[in-house]
Protein backbone atom coordinates (compact mmCIF):
# COMPACT_ATOMS: atom_id res chain seq x y z
CA MET A 1 -22.75 -56.82 4.98
CA GLU A 2 -22.37 -60.06 5.36
CA ARG A 3 -24.95 -60.94 3.15
CA ALA A 4 -23.52 -58.54 0.67
CA MET A 5 -20.07 -60.07 1.16
CA THR A 6 -21.67 -63.43 0.15
CA THR A 7 -23.24 -62.60 -2.88
CA LEU A 8 -20.30 -60.66 -3.94
CA ARG A 9 -18.21 -63.58 -3.18
CA ALA A 10 -20.64 -66.13 -5.16
CA MET A 11 -20.66 -63.62 -8.04
CA LEU A 12 -16.91 -63.71 -8.03
CA LEU A 13 -16.77 -67.18 -7.90
CA LEU A 14 -19.20 -67.47 -10.97
CA ALA A 15 -16.88 -65.22 -12.86
CA GLY A 16 -14.07 -67.27 -12.07
CA LEU A 17 -15.70 -70.51 -13.57
CA THR A 18 -16.70 -68.00 -16.58
CA LEU A 19 -13.56 -66.72 -17.03
CA LEU A 20 -11.19 -68.44 -15.56
CA PRO A 21 -9.10 -65.13 -14.59
CA GLY A 22 -5.49 -65.42 -14.07
CA CYS A 23 -5.14 -68.98 -16.30
CA LEU A 24 -3.70 -69.50 -19.34
CA GLN A 25 -5.32 -67.76 -22.23
CA SER A 26 -5.04 -69.31 -25.75
CA SER A 27 -6.55 -68.66 -29.03
CA LEU A 28 -6.33 -72.75 -29.68
CA ASP A 29 -9.38 -74.77 -29.13
CA LEU A 30 -7.59 -77.66 -27.35
CA SER A 31 -10.48 -80.27 -29.06
CA THR A 32 -8.65 -79.75 -32.19
CA GLN A 33 -5.72 -81.53 -30.67
CA ALA A 34 -7.03 -84.08 -28.15
CA SER A 35 -10.38 -85.60 -27.55
CA PRO A 36 -11.92 -84.64 -24.27
CA VAL A 37 -12.60 -86.82 -21.43
CA THR A 38 -15.92 -87.45 -19.59
CA ALA A 39 -14.41 -86.87 -16.04
CA LEU A 40 -17.25 -85.47 -14.22
CA LEU A 41 -20.96 -86.96 -13.34
CA PRO A 42 -23.82 -85.03 -14.27
CA GLY A 43 -25.97 -83.69 -11.45
CA GLN A 44 -26.01 -80.83 -9.09
CA TYR A 45 -23.04 -79.21 -7.75
CA VAL A 46 -22.36 -76.74 -5.13
CA GLU A 47 -19.38 -74.57 -4.64
CA VAL A 48 -18.60 -74.99 -1.30
CA LEU A 49 -17.54 -71.69 0.13
CA SER A 50 -20.55 -69.65 -1.14
CA ASP A 51 -23.22 -72.58 -1.44
CA GLN A 52 -23.90 -71.55 -5.21
CA GLU A 53 -25.62 -74.30 -6.68
CA TYR A 54 -24.99 -75.54 -10.11
CA ARG A 55 -26.88 -78.06 -12.58
CA VAL A 56 -24.27 -79.37 -14.88
CA THR A 57 -25.29 -81.51 -17.80
CA GLU A 58 -22.78 -83.28 -20.40
CA SER A 59 -22.99 -84.26 -23.90
CA GLY A 60 -20.07 -85.57 -26.20
CA GLY A 61 -17.47 -84.23 -23.48
CA LEU A 62 -18.82 -80.68 -23.34
CA TYR A 63 -20.22 -79.99 -20.06
CA SER A 64 -22.84 -77.47 -19.27
CA ALA A 65 -23.03 -75.51 -15.67
CA LEU A 66 -25.85 -73.44 -15.05
CA SER A 67 -26.19 -71.55 -11.80
CA SER A 68 -29.39 -71.41 -9.86
CA GLY A 69 -28.90 -67.36 -9.76
CA ARG A 70 -31.37 -65.12 -12.01
CA ASN A 71 -30.29 -64.60 -15.70
CA ALA A 72 -27.49 -67.24 -15.37
CA GLN A 73 -25.58 -68.06 -18.45
CA PRO A 74 -24.44 -71.24 -18.98
CA ILE A 75 -20.62 -72.11 -18.35
CA ARG A 76 -19.36 -74.60 -20.88
CA ILE A 77 -16.04 -76.51 -20.34
CA ARG A 78 -14.41 -79.63 -21.35
CA PHE A 79 -11.65 -81.71 -19.32
CA TYR A 80 -8.25 -83.22 -20.82
CA GLY A 81 -6.26 -85.95 -19.00
CA VAL A 82 -2.56 -85.43 -18.81
CA ALA A 83 -0.24 -88.02 -18.82
CA GLY A 84 2.13 -88.37 -15.54
CA SER A 85 -0.19 -86.19 -13.64
CA PRO A 86 -3.49 -86.70 -11.32
CA ALA A 87 -4.38 -83.19 -12.52
CA MET A 88 -6.83 -82.57 -15.44
CA ILE A 89 -6.69 -79.98 -18.06
CA VAL A 90 -10.13 -77.68 -17.66
CA GLN A 91 -11.08 -75.45 -20.91
CA SER A 92 -13.62 -72.53 -20.25
CA LEU A 93 -15.19 -72.08 -23.88
CA PRO A 94 -15.60 -68.22 -24.85
CA SER A 95 -19.06 -67.21 -25.33
CA GLY A 96 -18.04 -65.33 -28.49
CA SER A 97 -14.86 -64.91 -30.16
CA GLY A 98 -12.98 -64.58 -27.11
CA SER A 99 -9.79 -66.66 -26.24
CA HIS A 100 -10.26 -70.17 -24.45
CA GLN A 101 -9.27 -69.99 -20.95
CA TYR A 102 -7.68 -72.93 -19.46
CA ALA A 103 -6.91 -74.30 -15.73
CA PHE A 104 -7.00 -77.47 -13.78
CA ALA A 105 -8.91 -79.75 -11.57
CA LEU A 106 -8.34 -82.19 -9.38
CA PHE A 107 -10.92 -84.83 -8.29
CA SER A 108 -11.45 -86.78 -5.10
CA GLY A 109 -14.96 -88.68 -4.81
CA ASP A 110 -17.47 -86.17 -5.17
CA THR A 111 -15.31 -83.15 -4.73
CA ILE A 112 -13.75 -81.32 -7.36
CA VAL A 113 -10.52 -78.44 -6.91
CA LEU A 114 -10.40 -75.97 -9.58
CA PHE A 115 -6.77 -74.30 -9.80
CA GLU A 116 -4.53 -72.03 -11.58
CA GLN A 117 -0.94 -72.89 -12.32
CA ALA A 118 2.06 -70.78 -12.82
CA PHE A 119 5.52 -71.16 -13.67
CA GLY A 120 6.73 -69.39 -11.01
CA SER A 121 6.40 -65.46 -9.41
CA ASN A 122 7.61 -64.03 -12.63
CA ALA A 123 8.31 -64.51 -16.23
CA SER A 124 12.24 -65.27 -15.39
CA ALA A 125 10.74 -68.74 -14.11
CA VAL A 126 9.61 -69.75 -17.48
CA PRO A 127 11.51 -72.87 -18.73
CA ALA A 128 13.60 -71.76 -21.84
CA GLN A 129 11.68 -74.19 -24.35
CA PHE A 130 8.28 -71.94 -23.62
CA ALA A 131 9.65 -68.49 -22.90
CA ALA A 132 9.09 -67.65 -26.82
CA ALA A 133 5.66 -69.29 -26.73
CA VAL A 134 4.10 -67.46 -23.62
CA GLN A 135 3.89 -63.98 -22.00
CA ILE A 136 3.29 -63.66 -18.62
CA GLY A 137 0.39 -61.19 -17.73
CA GLN A 138 0.15 -58.75 -14.57
CA SER A 139 -0.40 -61.74 -12.11
CA PRO A 140 2.19 -64.13 -12.14
CA THR A 141 -0.09 -66.94 -12.95
CA GLY A 142 -1.47 -64.83 -15.89
CA ILE A 143 -0.48 -66.50 -19.05
CA THR A 144 -1.28 -65.77 -22.88
CA MET A 145 0.11 -67.91 -25.18
CA ARG A 146 1.73 -65.95 -27.70
CA ASN A 147 2.37 -69.37 -29.82
CA PRO A 148 -0.98 -71.25 -29.57
CA ALA A 149 0.54 -74.15 -31.01
CA MET A 150 2.27 -74.85 -28.09
CA THR A 151 -0.92 -74.45 -25.72
CA ARG A 152 -0.81 -78.41 -24.95
CA GLN A 153 2.84 -78.57 -23.99
CA VAL A 154 2.81 -75.67 -21.78
CA LEU A 155 -0.42 -77.01 -20.08
CA GLU A 156 0.73 -80.27 -19.44
CA ALA A 157 4.25 -79.03 -18.17
CA LEU A 158 2.40 -76.77 -15.58
CA ALA A 159 0.24 -79.67 -14.36
CA ARG A 160 3.30 -81.81 -13.77
CA GLN A 161 4.87 -79.32 -11.35
CA GLY A 162 2.42 -80.75 -8.51
CA ASN A 163 1.75 -78.24 -6.09
CA THR A 164 4.21 -75.78 -6.83
CA ASN A 165 2.87 -72.29 -7.70
CA ARG A 166 -0.61 -73.70 -7.64
CA HIS A 167 -3.77 -71.24 -6.75
CA VAL A 168 -7.07 -72.63 -5.82
CA ILE A 169 -10.07 -70.75 -7.70
CA ALA A 170 -12.74 -72.84 -6.00
CA VAL A 171 -14.20 -76.23 -4.74
CA TYR A 172 -17.57 -77.89 -5.61
CA ARG A 173 -19.27 -80.71 -4.19
CA ARG A 174 -21.47 -83.27 -6.06
CA THR A 175 -24.99 -83.25 -4.08
CA GLY A 176 -26.99 -85.25 -6.37
CA ASP A 177 -28.51 -86.03 -9.60
């Protein structure tokens, strides 16, 4: 039973990296407005809670992470800086014509914490300047952009909130080259 739960947790974490569920979704590709940064060293990473291993490569600010599991599909992500915040925006690129998924990352040495951020526990907590631009999903952290042009402004506002309304998705540690 424990092995089955560990396998299920690893699969959910991989799905979390692929889809970043509950995070901000937008049809906008942020790379059309900003240049991605190379915030992550390529190499081997392990997801701390599941021991799932990933091989991360980088080319021009686009990272590809491939799980050591069978039939694994590469996860493609980019990072963007946020002025006035230690958090970075993480963009997960869709594998087809789907929406881009956005979350956040904090770096500390060889450790990366991936998290989602919400404005609050319900739609009434959305600041007035963003109310028409976003739609809050079933979970409080599920945000869909009605006005994709405002994606960057909404992400930056969320990043600057600090620990308020933060939900950790996963923790990764670099284990080598």
